[in-house]
Amino acid sequence: MGFQLPRVSRCCCCVPLRIGSMLIGYFSIIFSCLAMATVSWYIYKVVSYVEHNKLHPNPEHTQEEVEKKALSLYVSFAYYLSVFLYYFIISIVLVIGVHSNKPNLLRSYVKAAMFLFALAVALVVVTCVFMGFFATLPILKWCFTLLVCMVVVRSTYLEMEEQNKPRVYEMQNLYMTPNVPLMA
């Protein structure tokens, strides 16, 4: 049993759906690039800390503890990078689909965004396990934003489908006989 996403007529109550979907696509591309850069910087910081700890050991933590924690961070950061790379790719598909007015690309984006939403929920779990509860709060906000963006893009897709659908004209008035008595 599934559920249907709601349909909206405007993005953020004032912006037309097509423009809102374009803005969502562009902001998603920028956000995913910034997120990948941030995660890469964190990987660099963890690697430099591990290397620094090899040269100057910390008496509070053994080398094995540091490497074990670093490995868990590497796993979570690799998952972060894969999720945000996927987000970057589907955001490009969204921008191309909206600009070229191709509802098939938007349908592909909506399906991919649903999969991304499942990945984001799994990312919340991974973040909570490896980094703690407070690190999950930004990811939870991103999940909610992703859900709202899916609703807007799906509404844009449905609007494009209706515009591209050929009109159906009913001809029933031509074949109906008038209701007048035959004999006066």
Protein backbone atom coordinates (compact mmCIF):
# COMPACT_ATOMS: atom_id res chain seq x y z
CA MET A 1 0.00 0.00 0.00
CA GLY A 2 1.42 3.35 -0.98
CA PHE A 3 0.62 6.96 -0.44
CA GLN A 4 0.36 9.90 -2.78
CA LEU A 5 2.25 13.09 -2.28
CA PRO A 6 0.04 16.16 -2.07
CA ARG A 7 -0.22 18.56 -4.97
CA VAL A 8 0.48 22.27 -4.67
CA SER A 9 -0.36 25.05 -7.10
CA ARG A 10 2.54 27.34 -6.20
CA CYS A 11 5.99 27.03 -4.70
CA CYS A 12 6.28 28.89 -1.37
CA CYS A 13 2.77 30.35 -1.86
CA CYS A 14 3.87 32.93 -4.44
CA VAL A 15 6.32 31.51 -7.00
CA PRO A 16 5.04 29.58 -10.05
CA LEU A 17 5.83 25.88 -9.98
CA ARG A 18 8.18 25.86 -12.97
CA ILE A 19 10.32 28.69 -11.59
CA GLY A 20 10.23 27.10 -8.14
CA SER A 21 11.46 23.81 -9.59
CA MET A 22 14.28 25.62 -11.38
CA LEU A 23 15.27 27.33 -8.14
CA ILE A 24 15.11 24.01 -6.31
CA GLY A 25 17.38 22.47 -8.95
CA TYR A 26 19.95 25.26 -8.83
CA PHE A 27 19.99 25.47 -5.04
CA SER A 28 20.29 21.68 -4.86
CA ILE A 29 23.31 21.73 -7.15
CA ILE A 30 24.96 24.45 -5.06
CA PHE A 31 24.07 22.73 -1.77
CA SER A 32 25.35 19.34 -2.90
CA CYS A 33 28.64 20.86 -4.09
CA LEU A 34 29.09 22.69 -0.79
CA ALA A 35 28.20 19.56 1.17
CA MET A 36 30.72 17.46 -0.79
CA ALA A 37 33.39 20.12 -0.24
CA THR A 38 32.62 20.23 3.48
CA VAL A 39 32.74 16.45 3.84
CA SER A 40 36.01 16.36 1.89
CA TRP A 41 37.44 18.99 4.23
CA TYR A 42 36.36 16.91 7.24
CA ILE A 43 38.05 13.86 5.73
CA TYR A 44 41.23 15.91 5.36
CA LYS A 45 40.99 17.04 8.98
CA VAL A 46 40.54 13.46 10.24
CA VAL A 47 43.47 12.22 8.14
CA SER A 48 45.70 15.04 9.37
CA TYR A 49 44.68 14.35 12.99
CA VAL A 50 45.49 10.64 12.62
CA GLU A 51 48.87 11.47 11.06
CA HIS A 52 49.58 14.01 13.77
CA ASN A 53 48.64 11.45 16.41
CA LYS A 54 51.12 8.96 14.90
CA LEU A 55 53.96 11.47 15.19
CA HIS A 56 52.93 12.93 18.54
CA PRO A 57 50.85 10.34 20.43
CA ASN A 58 48.19 11.59 22.79
CA PRO A 59 48.49 9.96 26.23
CA GLU A 60 44.69 10.04 26.71
CA HIS A 61 43.95 7.87 23.66
CA THR A 62 45.81 4.91 22.25
CA GLN A 63 46.68 4.70 18.58
CA GLU A 64 44.18 1.84 18.11
CA GLU A 65 41.33 3.92 19.58
CA VAL A 66 42.12 6.81 17.27
CA GLU A 67 42.30 4.56 14.21
CA LYS A 68 39.06 2.79 15.14
CA LYS A 69 37.21 6.09 15.52
CA ALA A 70 38.80 7.38 12.31
CA LEU A 71 37.61 4.27 10.44
CA SER A 72 34.02 4.84 11.60
CA LEU A 73 34.28 8.46 10.46
CA TYR A 74 35.67 7.36 7.08
CA VAL A 75 32.71 5.01 6.60
CA SER A 76 30.16 7.68 7.46
CA PHE A 77 31.93 10.30 5.34
CA ALA A 78 32.05 7.92 2.37
CA TYR A 79 28.30 7.43 2.72
CA TYR A 80 27.82 11.20 2.93
CA LEU A 81 29.84 11.70 -0.25
CA SER A 82 27.90 9.05 -2.16
CA VAL A 83 24.53 10.52 -1.08
CA PHE A 84 25.49 14.07 -2.01
CA LEU A 85 27.01 12.97 -5.34
CA TYR A 86 23.72 11.22 -6.14
CA TYR A 87 21.87 14.39 -5.11
CA PHE A 88 24.09 16.44 -7.43
CA ILE A 89 23.39 14.15 -10.38
CA ILE A 90 19.62 14.09 -9.95
CA SER A 91 19.60 17.88 -9.47
CA ILE A 92 21.24 18.25 -12.87
CA VAL A 93 18.51 16.00 -14.30
CA LEU A 94 15.91 18.28 -12.68
CA VAL A 95 17.39 21.45 -14.14
CA ILE A 96 17.63 19.92 -17.62
CA GLY A 97 14.08 18.57 -17.39
CA VAL A 98 12.56 21.88 -16.31
CA HIS A 99 14.47 23.96 -18.87
CA SER A 100 13.69 21.62 -21.76
CA ASN A 101 10.07 21.12 -20.59
CA LYS A 102 10.39 17.33 -20.57
CA PRO A 103 8.05 15.71 -18.05
CA ASN A 104 9.81 12.35 -18.43
CA LEU A 105 12.95 13.79 -16.84
CA LEU A 106 10.88 15.26 -14.02
CA ARG A 107 9.22 11.89 -13.45
CA SER A 108 12.69 10.33 -13.27
CA TYR A 109 13.72 13.02 -10.80
CA VAL A 110 10.71 12.39 -8.57
CA LYS A 111 11.43 8.65 -8.48
CA ALA A 112 15.13 9.30 -7.83
CA ALA A 113 14.26 11.84 -5.13
CA MET A 114 12.12 9.24 -3.37
CA PHE A 115 15.11 6.91 -3.38
CA LEU A 116 17.27 9.81 -2.17
CA PHE A 117 14.80 10.40 0.65
CA ALA A 118 15.26 6.78 1.73
CA LEU A 119 19.05 7.27 1.56
CA ALA A 120 18.71 10.45 3.62
CA VAL A 121 16.73 8.64 6.31
CA ALA A 122 19.47 5.99 6.37
CA LEU A 123 21.98 8.84 6.59
CA VAL A 124 20.18 10.06 9.71
CA VAL A 125 20.62 6.62 11.27
CA VAL A 126 24.31 6.41 10.28
CA THR A 127 24.94 9.91 11.62
CA CYS A 128 23.18 9.15 14.88
CA VAL A 129 25.19 5.95 15.37
CA PHE A 130 28.63 7.29 14.46
CA MET A 131 28.43 10.99 15.34
CA GLY A 132 25.71 11.46 17.94
CA PHE A 133 22.23 12.92 18.11
CA PHE A 134 23.10 16.59 17.66
CA ALA A 135 24.89 15.87 14.40
CA THR A 136 21.64 14.43 13.02
CA LEU A 137 19.63 17.64 13.40
CA PRO A 138 20.92 19.30 10.19
CA ILE A 139 20.34 16.05 8.30
CA LEU A 140 16.76 15.88 9.64
CA LYS A 141 16.17 19.45 8.43
CA TRP A 142 17.55 18.47 5.03
CA CYS A 143 15.20 15.45 4.92
CA PHE A 144 12.20 17.70 5.56
CA THR A 145 13.38 20.18 2.91
CA LEU A 146 13.88 17.32 0.47
CA LEU A 147 10.32 16.14 1.10
CA VAL A 148 8.92 19.62 0.42
CA CYS A 149 11.01 19.88 -2.76
CA MET A 150 9.69 16.50 -3.92
CA VAL A 151 6.12 17.78 -3.52
CA VAL A 152 6.87 20.92 -5.57
CA VAL A 153 8.67 19.05 -8.36
CA ARG A 154 5.95 16.39 -8.52
CA SER A 155 3.34 19.13 -8.84
CA THR A 156 5.40 20.67 -11.65
CA TYR A 157 5.57 17.28 -13.35
CA LEU A 158 1.79 16.83 -13.12
CA GLU A 159 1.24 20.34 -14.47
CA MET A 160 3.56 19.65 -17.43
CA GLU A 161 1.80 16.35 -18.10
CA GLU A 162 -1.57 18.12 -18.21
CA GLN A 163 -0.22 20.81 -20.55
CA ASN A 164 1.30 18.25 -22.92
CA LYS A 165 -1.76 16.01 -22.93
CA PRO A 166 -3.91 16.45 -26.03
CA ARG A 167 -7.27 18.00 -25.33
CA VAL A 168 -10.28 15.75 -25.34
CA TYR A 169 -13.39 17.22 -26.86
CA GLU A 170 -16.71 15.61 -26.10
CA MET A 171 -19.11 15.64 -28.98
CA GLN A 172 -22.22 14.53 -27.13
CA ASN A 173 -24.22 17.69 -27.83
CA LEU A 174 -24.15 16.98 -31.57
CA TYR A 175 -25.78 13.59 -31.20
CA MET A 176 -28.45 14.44 -28.65
CA THR A 177 -31.91 15.09 -29.99
CA PRO A 178 -33.83 18.03 -28.67
CA ASN A 179 -36.62 17.33 -26.22
CA VAL A 180 -39.55 18.73 -28.21
CA PRO A 181 -42.79 16.96 -28.91
CA LEU A 182 -42.94 15.31 -32.33
CA MET A 183 -46.55 16.24 -32.94
CA ALA A 184 -48.16 19.46 -32.01
